[in-house]
Each structure stands twice: as C-alpha cells, then as structure tokens.
Amino acid sequence: MDGLIFTLLGAAFVLFIGWTKSRYADFLAQSPEEYAQGNGPQFDVRTHLNGPIICEGVIFGPTGRVSSRFVGEFDCKWEGNTGVMDEVFTYDDGSQQTRAWRLTIGNDGKIVARADDVVGDGSGQQSGNTVQLKYKFRLPEASGGHVLDTVDWMYLAPNGTIVNRSQFRKYGIKVAELVATMRPANEEFKEAA
C-alpha cells in the first residue's frame, strides 16, 4: 500500500512540475506585456509587414526533427489599419501553398487576423518589439484536415529582420513548431562563399 501511495504522489509531483513549467517557464507562458518596454525599434505590422517580403524557414515535427523546409514570398498592402498579406509558400518537396491574411489593427495594438484556413478569428497584440498571434489553423485535407491551436511570436531584430517562432498543438500536445525569418524582398541576400 505504501508503494502505491508513493507512486501516486510521484505522479502528482511530475504532473505539477510539468504544469508549472508550461504555465510559467515555457514558450506559451510569454505575454505581450513582458515586451512592452523592449529595447530597439517598436514592431508596427503596418510598417514592418508591408510591401514584398521574403520568408525562409523550417518546420519541426513532433520528435523535434526537421520535417520540412520552405521559402515564402509575401505581398502586404495596407489602407490605414486594415491590411492584406498574400503568402505563397514553396516547400522542399516542390509543393506550394497560398494564404491571404486579412488583418485589422486597433489603436491599442490589438490585431484581428482572418484567413480561409483559420477557424474563426485569430487575435493578437503588438507590444514593444514583438507581435503575438493566436488562432486555430485547419490543415489541408491531404494532411488530415486537423484543426491545430497555433501561437505565433514574431520578434523584430535590430536590423529590421523578423524572427518568427510558432507552435502548433492538438489537445494541448505540441505536434509541430516553425521557425522562420522575414525580411523586405528588396534587401540583397548575401550567399555564403
């Protein structure tokens, strides 16, 4: 009987530690308020996600290994606080995917984001040198059509490059992660020698 009690207490302790980590010391624990007084340039999506943009990135599967690499070409146009960001992604297997984000920015920096493969409205917040977006993303039918809870964080680097980290979860379990950079398409890309 004592062994069972110690096993249950041990399991409860492990669950508590896991919950505490995810709540206070994990990717999902970040909040826009933490970045409100960030150093460097302020992230304004109307300025930094405007015009033609090049994106390069990788997607990690549930085991942490790279499952796909991609290049994206974006075109962003704004009229006041309303914008459309057209995206065309080309993956390492040659497949392509398109998306059109419709974005609205409030005077308080809050963002409403819509796209055809997003269930309902996504919500976000500009804060300091970051932007956070949360939304439910529907995978293509060829990939199972699952709806994933998504959290995007975009961090503005001092040179204007945007570093994007996204996590995709199903039933609270991380199933994929994306890391990408975005920069104006008119900047010259320097190839490694």
N, C-alpha and C. Protein backbone atom coordinates (compact mmCIF):
# COMPACT_ATOMS: atom_id res chain seq x y z
N MET A 1 0.81 -1.19 0.00
CA MET A 1 0.00 0.00 0.00
C MET A 1 0.86 1.27 0.00
N ASP A 2 1.97 1.24 0.78
CA ASP A 2 2.86 2.40 0.81
C ASP A 2 3.46 2.67 -0.57
N GLY A 3 3.79 1.60 -1.32
CA GLY A 3 4.35 1.76 -2.66
C GLY A 3 3.39 2.46 -3.59
N LEU A 4 2.11 2.13 -3.50
CA LEU A 4 1.08 2.75 -4.34
C LEU A 4 0.95 4.24 -4.00
N ILE A 5 0.97 4.56 -2.71
CA ILE A 5 0.87 5.96 -2.29
C ILE A 5 2.05 6.76 -2.81
N PHE A 6 3.27 6.21 -2.67
CA PHE A 6 4.45 6.91 -3.18
C PHE A 6 4.42 7.05 -4.69
N THR A 7 3.91 6.07 -5.39
CA THR A 7 3.79 6.14 -6.85
C THR A 7 2.81 7.24 -7.25
N LEU A 8 1.65 7.29 -6.59
CA LEU A 8 0.67 8.33 -6.88
C LEU A 8 1.19 9.72 -6.53
N LEU A 9 1.88 9.84 -5.40
CA LEU A 9 2.48 11.13 -5.04
C LEU A 9 3.55 11.54 -6.05
N GLY A 10 4.35 10.58 -6.50
CA GLY A 10 5.37 10.87 -7.51
C GLY A 10 4.75 11.32 -8.83
N ALA A 11 3.68 10.62 -9.24
CA ALA A 11 3.00 11.00 -10.48
C ALA A 11 2.38 12.39 -10.35
N ALA A 12 1.77 12.69 -9.21
CA ALA A 12 1.18 14.01 -8.98
C ALA A 12 2.26 15.09 -9.01
N PHE A 13 3.42 14.80 -8.43
CA PHE A 13 4.52 15.76 -8.42
C PHE A 13 5.02 16.04 -9.84
N VAL A 14 5.17 14.99 -10.63
CA VAL A 14 5.62 15.15 -12.02
C VAL A 14 4.61 15.98 -12.82
N LEU A 15 3.33 15.69 -12.66
CA LEU A 15 2.30 16.47 -13.34
C LEU A 15 2.32 17.93 -12.90
N PHE A 16 2.52 18.16 -11.61
CA PHE A 16 2.59 19.52 -11.09
C PHE A 16 3.78 20.27 -11.68
N ILE A 17 4.93 19.63 -11.73
CA ILE A 17 6.13 20.26 -12.31
C ILE A 17 5.90 20.57 -13.79
N GLY A 18 5.32 19.64 -14.53
CA GLY A 18 5.02 19.87 -15.94
C GLY A 18 4.07 21.03 -16.14
N TRP A 19 3.01 21.09 -15.32
CA TRP A 19 2.06 22.19 -15.42
C TRP A 19 2.73 23.51 -15.07
N THR A 20 3.53 23.53 -14.01
CA THR A 20 4.22 24.75 -13.59
C THR A 20 5.15 25.25 -14.69
N LYS A 21 5.90 24.33 -15.29
CA LYS A 21 6.82 24.72 -16.38
C LYS A 21 6.04 25.33 -17.54
N SER A 22 4.96 24.67 -17.97
CA SER A 22 4.21 25.18 -19.12
C SER A 22 3.52 26.50 -18.80
N ARG A 23 3.18 26.72 -17.55
CA ARG A 23 2.47 27.93 -17.16
C ARG A 23 3.41 29.11 -16.96
N TYR A 24 4.62 28.86 -16.48
CA TYR A 24 5.50 29.96 -16.09
C TYR A 24 6.85 30.00 -16.78
N ALA A 25 7.28 28.94 -17.43
CA ALA A 25 8.64 28.93 -17.97
C ALA A 25 8.70 28.27 -19.34
N ASP A 26 7.69 28.45 -20.17
CA ASP A 26 7.63 27.79 -21.45
C ASP A 26 7.29 28.81 -22.53
N PHE A 27 7.38 28.41 -23.78
CA PHE A 27 7.03 29.26 -24.92
C PHE A 27 5.65 29.86 -24.74
N LEU A 28 4.68 29.05 -24.33
CA LEU A 28 3.30 29.54 -24.19
C LEU A 28 3.12 30.49 -23.02
N ALA A 29 4.06 30.52 -22.10
CA ALA A 29 3.93 31.37 -20.91
C ALA A 29 4.25 32.84 -21.20
N GLN A 30 4.82 33.14 -22.36
CA GLN A 30 5.14 34.53 -22.69
C GLN A 30 3.86 35.34 -22.81
N SER A 31 3.95 36.62 -22.47
CA SER A 31 2.82 37.51 -22.66
C SER A 31 3.30 38.79 -23.33
N PRO A 32 2.44 39.43 -24.12
CA PRO A 32 2.85 40.68 -24.77
C PRO A 32 3.32 41.74 -23.79
N GLU A 33 2.76 41.77 -22.59
CA GLU A 33 3.14 42.78 -21.60
C GLU A 33 4.62 42.70 -21.24
N GLU A 34 5.19 41.49 -21.30
CA GLU A 34 6.61 41.32 -20.97
C GLU A 34 7.51 42.09 -21.92
N TYR A 35 7.03 42.37 -23.14
CA TYR A 35 7.85 43.01 -24.16
C TYR A 35 7.47 44.47 -24.39
N ALA A 36 6.54 44.99 -23.61
CA ALA A 36 6.04 46.36 -23.84
C ALA A 36 7.14 47.40 -23.81
N GLN A 37 8.13 47.22 -22.96
CA GLN A 37 9.22 48.18 -22.84
C GLN A 37 10.49 47.67 -23.49
N GLY A 38 10.36 46.85 -24.52
CA GLY A 38 11.52 46.24 -25.16
C GLY A 38 12.48 47.25 -25.76
N ASN A 39 13.73 46.86 -25.81
CA ASN A 39 14.76 47.70 -26.42
C ASN A 39 14.63 47.63 -27.94
N GLY A 40 15.15 48.65 -28.59
CA GLY A 40 15.20 48.64 -30.05
C GLY A 40 13.93 49.17 -30.67
N PRO A 41 13.81 49.00 -31.97
CA PRO A 41 12.66 49.56 -32.68
C PRO A 41 11.36 48.89 -32.25
N GLN A 42 10.29 49.66 -32.27
CA GLN A 42 8.96 49.14 -31.97
C GLN A 42 8.42 48.42 -33.21
N PHE A 43 7.78 47.29 -33.01
CA PHE A 43 7.21 46.49 -34.09
C PHE A 43 5.83 47.04 -34.43
N ASP A 44 5.70 47.60 -35.62
CA ASP A 44 4.41 48.04 -36.14
C ASP A 44 4.16 47.25 -37.41
N VAL A 45 3.17 46.37 -37.39
CA VAL A 45 2.95 45.49 -38.55
C VAL A 45 2.68 46.28 -39.81
N ARG A 46 2.11 47.47 -39.71
CA ARG A 46 1.84 48.29 -40.90
C ARG A 46 3.13 48.76 -41.56
N THR A 47 4.20 48.85 -40.78
CA THR A 47 5.49 49.26 -41.32
C THR A 47 6.36 48.06 -41.66
N HIS A 48 6.46 47.11 -40.74
CA HIS A 48 7.41 46.01 -40.89
C HIS A 48 6.87 44.83 -41.71
N LEU A 49 5.57 44.73 -41.84
CA LEU A 49 4.96 43.74 -42.74
C LEU A 49 4.24 44.52 -43.83
N ASN A 50 5.04 45.14 -44.69
CA ASN A 50 4.50 46.00 -45.73
C ASN A 50 5.31 45.82 -47.00
N GLY A 51 4.64 45.68 -48.13
CA GLY A 51 5.32 45.50 -49.41
C GLY A 51 5.73 44.06 -49.60
N PRO A 52 6.64 43.81 -50.56
CA PRO A 52 7.10 42.44 -50.79
C PRO A 52 8.08 41.98 -49.71
N ILE A 53 7.87 40.75 -49.23
CA ILE A 53 8.68 40.19 -48.15
C ILE A 53 9.11 38.78 -48.54
N ILE A 54 10.34 38.43 -48.19
CA ILE A 54 10.86 37.07 -48.38
C ILE A 54 10.90 36.40 -47.02
N CYS A 55 10.49 35.14 -47.00
CA CYS A 55 10.47 34.37 -45.76
C CYS A 55 11.20 33.04 -46.01
N GLU A 56 12.05 32.64 -45.08
CA GLU A 56 12.71 31.34 -45.14
C GLU A 56 12.52 30.66 -43.81
N GLY A 57 12.23 29.34 -43.83
CA GLY A 57 12.03 28.70 -42.56
C GLY A 57 12.05 27.19 -42.61
N VAL A 58 11.88 26.61 -41.43
CA VAL A 58 11.83 25.16 -41.26
C VAL A 58 10.66 24.83 -40.34
N ILE A 59 10.12 23.63 -40.54
CA ILE A 59 9.07 23.10 -39.68
C ILE A 59 9.63 21.86 -39.00
N PHE A 60 9.50 21.82 -37.68
CA PHE A 60 9.93 20.68 -36.89
C PHE A 60 8.71 19.83 -36.55
N GLY A 61 8.83 18.52 -36.70
CA GLY A 61 7.75 17.61 -36.35
C GLY A 61 7.71 17.35 -34.86
N PRO A 62 6.83 16.44 -34.44
CA PRO A 62 6.67 16.19 -33.00
C PRO A 62 7.91 15.61 -32.32
N THR A 63 8.83 15.03 -33.08
CA THR A 63 10.05 14.47 -32.48
C THR A 63 11.17 15.50 -32.37
N GLY A 64 10.92 16.72 -32.88
CA GLY A 64 11.94 17.77 -32.84
C GLY A 64 12.85 17.79 -34.04
N ARG A 65 12.65 16.87 -34.98
CA ARG A 65 13.47 16.83 -36.19
C ARG A 65 12.80 17.65 -37.30
N VAL A 66 13.61 18.21 -38.19
CA VAL A 66 13.07 19.00 -39.29
C VAL A 66 12.25 18.08 -40.19
N SER A 67 11.00 18.48 -40.41
CA SER A 67 10.13 17.70 -41.29
C SER A 67 9.92 18.38 -42.62
N SER A 68 10.20 19.69 -42.70
CA SER A 68 10.03 20.41 -43.96
C SER A 68 10.79 21.73 -43.90
N ARG A 69 11.22 22.17 -45.07
CA ARG A 69 11.85 23.48 -45.23
C ARG A 69 11.04 24.24 -46.27
N PHE A 70 11.05 25.56 -46.19
CA PHE A 70 10.23 26.32 -47.14
C PHE A 70 10.81 27.71 -47.39
N VAL A 71 10.35 28.31 -48.48
CA VAL A 71 10.61 29.70 -48.81
C VAL A 71 9.24 30.31 -49.09
N GLY A 72 9.01 31.50 -48.57
CA GLY A 72 7.74 32.18 -48.81
C GLY A 72 7.96 33.53 -49.46
N GLU A 73 7.03 33.89 -50.30
CA GLU A 73 7.01 35.22 -50.90
C GLU A 73 5.70 35.86 -50.49
N PHE A 74 5.78 36.99 -49.78
CA PHE A 74 4.60 37.68 -49.28
C PHE A 74 4.46 39.02 -49.98
N ASP A 75 3.24 39.48 -50.10
CA ASP A 75 2.98 40.84 -50.57
C ASP A 75 1.93 41.42 -49.63
N CYS A 76 2.31 42.48 -48.94
CA CYS A 76 1.45 43.08 -47.92
C CYS A 76 1.07 44.49 -48.33
N LYS A 77 -0.23 44.77 -48.25
CA LYS A 77 -0.73 46.10 -48.59
C LYS A 77 -1.64 46.58 -47.48
N TRP A 78 -1.49 47.86 -47.11
CA TRP A 78 -2.27 48.44 -46.02
C TRP A 78 -3.03 49.66 -46.48
N GLU A 79 -4.25 49.80 -45.97
CA GLU A 79 -5.04 51.03 -46.08
C GLU A 79 -5.43 51.39 -44.66
N GLY A 80 -4.71 52.34 -44.09
CA GLY A 80 -4.96 52.69 -42.69
C GLY A 80 -4.63 51.52 -41.78
N ASN A 81 -5.59 51.09 -40.99
CA ASN A 81 -5.38 50.00 -40.05
C ASN A 81 -5.84 48.64 -40.57
N THR A 82 -6.13 48.54 -41.86
CA THR A 82 -6.58 47.29 -42.47
C THR A 82 -5.60 46.87 -43.55
N GLY A 83 -5.18 45.62 -43.50
CA GLY A 83 -4.21 45.15 -44.48
C GLY A 83 -4.51 43.74 -44.96
N VAL A 84 -3.93 43.42 -46.11
CA VAL A 84 -4.00 42.06 -46.67
C VAL A 84 -2.57 41.60 -46.92
N MET A 85 -2.25 40.42 -46.42
CA MET A 85 -0.93 39.84 -46.64
C MET A 85 -1.12 38.55 -47.43
N ASP A 86 -0.77 38.59 -48.72
CA ASP A 86 -0.84 37.42 -49.58
C ASP A 86 0.46 36.64 -49.44
N GLU A 87 0.35 35.33 -49.17
CA GLU A 87 1.52 34.48 -48.96
C GLU A 87 1.53 33.35 -49.99
N VAL A 88 2.70 33.07 -50.53
CA VAL A 88 2.92 31.90 -51.39
C VAL A 88 4.13 31.16 -50.83
N PHE A 89 3.91 29.92 -50.36
CA PHE A 89 4.97 29.11 -49.80
C PHE A 89 5.37 28.03 -50.79
N THR A 90 6.67 27.81 -50.95
CA THR A 90 7.19 26.70 -51.74
C THR A 90 8.01 25.82 -50.80
N TYR A 91 7.61 24.54 -50.70
CA TYR A 91 8.24 23.61 -49.77
C TYR A 91 9.33 22.80 -50.46
N ASP A 92 10.17 22.15 -49.65
CA ASP A 92 11.30 21.40 -50.19
C ASP A 92 10.88 20.22 -51.06
N ASP A 93 9.62 19.78 -50.96
CA ASP A 93 9.15 18.69 -51.83
C ASP A 93 8.55 19.22 -53.13
N GLY A 94 8.61 20.56 -53.33
CA GLY A 94 8.10 21.16 -54.55
C GLY A 94 6.65 21.62 -54.46
N SER A 95 5.94 21.25 -53.41
CA SER A 95 4.54 21.65 -53.28
C SER A 95 4.45 23.12 -52.92
N GLN A 96 3.29 23.70 -53.23
CA GLN A 96 3.05 25.11 -52.91
C GLN A 96 1.77 25.25 -52.10
N GLN A 97 1.72 26.32 -51.32
CA GLN A 97 0.55 26.64 -50.52
C GLN A 97 0.37 28.15 -50.55
N THR A 98 -0.87 28.60 -50.64
CA THR A 98 -1.15 30.04 -50.63
C THR A 98 -2.09 30.36 -49.47
N ARG A 99 -2.00 31.59 -49.01
CA ARG A 99 -2.88 32.06 -47.94
C ARG A 99 -2.99 33.57 -48.09
N ALA A 100 -4.16 34.11 -47.78
CA ALA A 100 -4.36 35.56 -47.72
C ALA A 100 -4.84 35.91 -46.33
N TRP A 101 -3.98 36.59 -45.58
CA TRP A 101 -4.37 37.08 -44.26
C TRP A 101 -5.05 38.43 -44.42
N ARG A 102 -6.15 38.63 -43.72
CA ARG A 102 -6.82 39.92 -43.65
C ARG A 102 -6.65 40.40 -42.21
N LEU A 103 -5.92 41.49 -42.04
CA LEU A 103 -5.52 41.96 -40.72
C LEU A 103 -6.15 43.32 -40.41
N THR A 104 -6.59 43.49 -39.18
CA THR A 104 -7.09 44.77 -38.70
C THR A 104 -6.38 45.08 -37.39
N ILE A 105 -5.82 46.29 -37.30
CA ILE A 105 -5.08 46.73 -36.12
C ILE A 105 -5.90 47.78 -35.39
N GLY A 106 -6.12 47.57 -34.10
CA GLY A 106 -6.80 48.57 -33.28
C GLY A 106 -5.83 49.62 -32.80
N ASN A 107 -6.35 50.74 -32.33
CA ASN A 107 -5.49 51.82 -31.82
C ASN A 107 -4.70 51.38 -30.60
N ASP A 108 -5.14 50.32 -29.93
CA ASP A 108 -4.43 49.79 -28.76
C ASP A 108 -3.42 48.71 -29.13
N GLY A 109 -3.21 48.48 -30.44
CA GLY A 109 -2.24 47.48 -30.89
C GLY A 109 -2.82 46.08 -31.01
N LYS A 110 -4.09 45.91 -30.67
CA LYS A 110 -4.71 44.59 -30.80
C LYS A 110 -4.94 44.28 -32.28
N ILE A 111 -4.79 43.00 -32.62
CA ILE A 111 -4.88 42.56 -34.01
C ILE A 111 -6.00 41.53 -34.14
N VAL A 112 -6.81 41.67 -35.18
CA VAL A 112 -7.76 40.63 -35.58
C VAL A 112 -7.25 40.09 -36.91
N ALA A 113 -7.08 38.77 -36.98
CA ALA A 113 -6.49 38.13 -38.16
C ALA A 113 -7.46 37.08 -38.70
N ARG A 114 -7.69 37.13 -40.01
CA ARG A 114 -8.58 36.17 -40.66
C ARG A 114 -7.88 35.60 -41.89
N ALA A 115 -8.16 34.33 -42.15
CA ALA A 115 -7.69 33.67 -43.37
C ALA A 115 -8.62 32.49 -43.62
N ASP A 116 -8.65 32.01 -44.85
CA ASP A 116 -9.58 30.93 -45.21
C ASP A 116 -9.31 29.64 -44.44
N ASP A 117 -8.05 29.36 -44.08
CA ASP A 117 -7.75 28.13 -43.35
C ASP A 117 -7.64 28.35 -41.84
N VAL A 118 -8.13 29.50 -41.37
CA VAL A 118 -8.19 29.80 -39.95
C VAL A 118 -9.64 29.70 -39.50
N VAL A 119 -9.88 28.93 -38.44
CA VAL A 119 -11.23 28.74 -37.91
C VAL A 119 -11.56 29.93 -37.01
N GLY A 120 -12.60 30.68 -37.36
CA GLY A 120 -12.96 31.86 -36.59
C GLY A 120 -11.94 32.97 -36.80
N ASP A 121 -11.88 33.88 -35.86
CA ASP A 121 -10.93 34.99 -35.93
C ASP A 121 -9.71 34.69 -35.07
N GLY A 122 -8.53 35.00 -35.61
CA GLY A 122 -7.33 34.97 -34.81
C GLY A 122 -7.22 36.29 -34.07
N SER A 123 -6.50 36.27 -32.94
CA SER A 123 -6.33 37.51 -32.19
C SER A 123 -4.85 37.68 -31.86
N GLY A 124 -4.46 38.93 -31.75
CA GLY A 124 -3.06 39.19 -31.46
C GLY A 124 -2.86 40.53 -30.81
N GLN A 125 -1.57 40.82 -30.58
CA GLN A 125 -1.21 42.06 -29.91
C GLN A 125 0.20 42.47 -30.33
N GLN A 126 0.34 43.74 -30.75
CA GLN A 126 1.66 44.34 -30.92
C GLN A 126 2.09 44.82 -29.55
N SER A 127 3.36 44.60 -29.21
CA SER A 127 3.85 45.06 -27.92
C SER A 127 5.36 45.19 -27.98
N GLY A 128 5.85 46.41 -27.86
CA GLY A 128 7.30 46.63 -27.93
C GLY A 128 7.83 46.16 -29.27
N ASN A 129 8.84 45.30 -29.22
CA ASN A 129 9.44 44.80 -30.47
C ASN A 129 8.92 43.41 -30.83
N THR A 130 7.68 43.08 -30.40
CA THR A 130 7.10 41.78 -30.69
C THR A 130 5.66 41.90 -31.18
N VAL A 131 5.22 40.81 -31.81
CA VAL A 131 3.81 40.62 -32.15
C VAL A 131 3.46 39.18 -31.80
N GLN A 132 2.34 39.00 -31.10
CA GLN A 132 1.84 37.67 -30.80
C GLN A 132 0.50 37.48 -31.52
N LEU A 133 0.32 36.31 -32.15
CA LEU A 133 -0.96 35.93 -32.75
C LEU A 133 -1.35 34.56 -32.24
N LYS A 134 -2.65 34.39 -31.95
CA LYS A 134 -3.20 33.09 -31.57
C LYS A 134 -4.38 32.81 -32.48
N TYR A 135 -4.43 31.58 -33.01
CA TYR A 135 -5.53 31.22 -33.90
C TYR A 135 -5.63 29.70 -34.02
N LYS A 136 -6.74 29.24 -34.58
CA LYS A 136 -6.96 27.83 -34.85
C LYS A 136 -6.78 27.63 -36.35
N PHE A 137 -5.80 26.82 -36.71
CA PHE A 137 -5.38 26.60 -38.10
C PHE A 137 -5.86 25.24 -38.58
N ARG A 138 -6.55 25.20 -39.72
CA ARG A 138 -7.02 23.93 -40.28
C ARG A 138 -6.02 23.44 -41.33
N LEU A 139 -5.48 22.24 -41.09
CA LEU A 139 -4.57 21.64 -42.07
C LEU A 139 -5.33 21.28 -43.33
N PRO A 140 -4.64 21.22 -44.48
CA PRO A 140 -5.30 20.75 -45.71
C PRO A 140 -5.81 19.32 -45.54
N GLU A 141 -6.83 18.96 -46.29
CA GLU A 141 -7.40 17.60 -46.21
C GLU A 141 -6.34 16.54 -46.48
N ALA A 142 -5.40 16.83 -47.38
CA ALA A 142 -4.33 15.86 -47.68
C ALA A 142 -3.47 15.58 -46.46
N SER A 143 -3.47 16.51 -45.49
CA SER A 143 -2.71 16.33 -44.25
C SER A 143 -3.61 15.95 -43.07
N GLY A 144 -4.83 15.56 -43.37
CA GLY A 144 -5.74 15.09 -42.32
C GLY A 144 -6.84 16.06 -41.94
N GLY A 145 -6.72 17.34 -42.34
CA GLY A 145 -7.76 18.32 -42.04
C GLY A 145 -7.91 18.66 -40.57
N HIS A 146 -6.93 18.30 -39.75
CA HIS A 146 -6.99 18.58 -38.31
C HIS A 146 -6.96 20.08 -38.04
N VAL A 147 -7.60 20.49 -36.96
CA VAL A 147 -7.54 21.88 -36.52
C VAL A 147 -6.53 21.96 -35.38
N LEU A 148 -5.54 22.82 -35.54
CA LEU A 148 -4.47 22.95 -34.56
C LEU A 148 -4.52 24.32 -33.89
N ASP A 149 -4.33 24.33 -32.57
CA ASP A 149 -4.19 25.59 -31.85
C ASP A 149 -2.79 26.12 -32.12
N THR A 150 -2.72 27.36 -32.57
CA THR A 150 -1.45 27.93 -33.01
C THR A 150 -1.14 29.19 -32.23
N VAL A 151 0.12 29.32 -31.83
CA VAL A 151 0.63 30.55 -31.22
C VAL A 151 1.85 30.97 -32.03
N ASP A 152 1.78 32.18 -32.59
CA ASP A 152 2.90 32.78 -33.33
C ASP A 152 3.49 33.90 -32.49
N TRP A 153 4.80 33.93 -32.41
CA TRP A 153 5.51 35.08 -31.86
C TRP A 153 6.46 35.57 -32.93
N MET A 154 6.39 36.86 -33.23
CA MET A 154 7.32 37.49 -34.16
C MET A 154 8.14 38.50 -33.37
N TYR A 155 9.45 38.41 -33.52
CA TYR A 155 10.39 39.28 -32.80
C TYR A 155 11.14 40.13 -33.82
N LEU A 156 11.13 41.43 -33.64
CA LEU A 156 11.81 42.34 -34.55
C LEU A 156 13.27 42.48 -34.14
N ALA A 157 14.17 42.07 -35.03
CA ALA A 157 15.61 42.22 -34.78
C ALA A 157 16.02 43.67 -35.02
N PRO A 158 17.15 44.10 -34.45
CA PRO A 158 17.59 45.49 -34.62
C PRO A 158 17.77 45.92 -36.07
N ASN A 159 18.06 44.97 -36.99
CA ASN A 159 18.26 45.35 -38.39
C ASN A 159 16.96 45.31 -39.20
N GLY A 160 15.81 45.05 -38.56
CA GLY A 160 14.53 45.03 -39.26
C GLY A 160 14.07 43.65 -39.69
N THR A 161 14.93 42.65 -39.59
CA THR A 161 14.51 41.28 -39.89
C THR A 161 13.55 40.82 -38.79
N ILE A 162 12.56 40.05 -39.19
CA ILE A 162 11.60 39.49 -38.24
C ILE A 162 11.91 38.01 -38.06
N VAL A 163 12.02 37.58 -36.82
CA VAL A 163 12.22 36.17 -36.49
C VAL A 163 10.89 35.66 -35.96
N ASN A 164 10.36 34.63 -36.61
CA ASN A 164 9.04 34.08 -36.27
C ASN A 164 9.21 32.68 -35.68
N ARG A 165 8.58 32.47 -34.53
CA ARG A 165 8.53 31.13 -33.94
C ARG A 165 7.06 30.81 -33.67
N SER A 166 6.61 29.67 -34.15
CA SER A 166 5.22 29.26 -33.99
C SER A 166 5.17 27.84 -33.45
N GLN A 167 4.18 27.59 -32.60
CA GLN A 167 3.93 26.23 -32.14
C GLN A 167 2.50 25.85 -32.47
N PHE A 168 2.33 24.59 -32.88
CA PHE A 168 1.04 24.05 -33.26
C PHE A 168 0.72 22.91 -32.30
N ARG A 169 -0.48 22.95 -31.70
CA ARG A 169 -0.86 21.95 -30.70
C ARG A 169 -2.21 21.34 -31.03
N LYS A 170 -2.34 20.08 -30.66
CA LYS A 170 -3.61 19.35 -30.76
C LYS A 170 -3.85 18.75 -29.39
N TYR A 171 -5.01 19.06 -28.78
CA TYR A 171 -5.33 18.60 -27.42
C TYR A 171 -4.24 19.01 -26.43
N GLY A 172 -3.62 20.18 -26.64
CA GLY A 172 -2.60 20.67 -25.73
C GLY A 172 -1.21 20.09 -25.94
N ILE A 173 -1.07 19.14 -26.86
CA ILE A 173 0.21 18.49 -27.11
C ILE A 173 0.85 19.12 -28.35
N LYS A 174 2.10 19.54 -28.21
CA LYS A 174 2.81 20.15 -29.35
C LYS A 174 3.04 19.11 -30.43
N VAL A 175 2.55 19.40 -31.65
CA VAL A 175 2.71 18.47 -32.78
C VAL A 175 3.66 19.01 -33.84
N ALA A 176 3.96 20.32 -33.79
CA ALA A 176 4.89 20.90 -34.76
C ALA A 176 5.34 22.26 -34.26
N GLU A 177 6.48 22.69 -34.78
CA GLU A 177 7.00 24.02 -34.48
C GLU A 177 7.61 24.57 -35.75
N LEU A 178 7.48 25.87 -35.94
CA LEU A 178 8.01 26.55 -37.12
C LEU A 178 8.95 27.65 -36.65
N VAL A 179 10.08 27.78 -37.33
CA VAL A 179 10.99 28.89 -37.11
C VAL A 179 11.31 29.47 -38.47
N ALA A 180 11.14 30.79 -38.61
CA ALA A 180 11.35 31.43 -39.91
C ALA A 180 11.86 32.85 -39.73
N THR A 181 12.45 33.38 -40.78
CA THR A 181 12.82 34.79 -40.83
C THR A 181 12.03 35.45 -41.94
N MET A 182 11.76 36.73 -41.76
CA MET A 182 11.08 37.53 -42.78
C MET A 182 11.85 38.83 -42.92
N ARG A 183 12.02 39.24 -44.18
CA ARG A 183 12.74 40.48 -44.44
C ARG A 183 12.23 41.09 -45.74
N PRO A 184 12.38 42.39 -45.91
CA PRO A 184 11.93 43.00 -47.16
C PRO A 184 12.59 42.34 -48.36
N ALA A 185 11.81 42.08 -49.40
CA ALA A 185 12.32 41.38 -50.59
C ALA A 185 13.36 42.20 -51.34
N ASN A 186 13.34 43.51 -51.16
CA ASN A 186 14.30 44.34 -51.90
C ASN A 186 15.68 44.36 -51.26
N GLU A 187 15.84 43.73 -50.06
CA GLU A 187 17.18 43.65 -49.48
C GLU A 187 17.96 42.58 -50.19
N GLU A 188 19.22 42.86 -50.45
CA GLU A 188 20.07 41.91 -51.16
C GLU A 188 20.45 40.74 -50.24
N PHE A 189 20.24 39.53 -50.74
CA PHE A 189 20.59 38.33 -49.98
C PHE A 189 22.05 38.01 -50.24
N LYS A 190 22.81 37.82 -49.17
CA LYS A 190 24.23 37.52 -49.31
C LYS A 190 24.44 36.01 -49.17
N GLU A 191 24.85 35.38 -50.26
CA GLU A 191 25.09 33.94 -50.23
C GLU A 191 26.42 33.63 -49.57
N ALA A 192 26.45 32.49 -48.90
CA ALA A 192 27.70 32.04 -48.27
C ALA A 192 28.71 31.69 -49.35
N ALA A 193 29.96 32.01 -49.09
CA ALA A 193 31.01 31.73 -50.09
C ALA A 193 31.38 30.28 -50.10
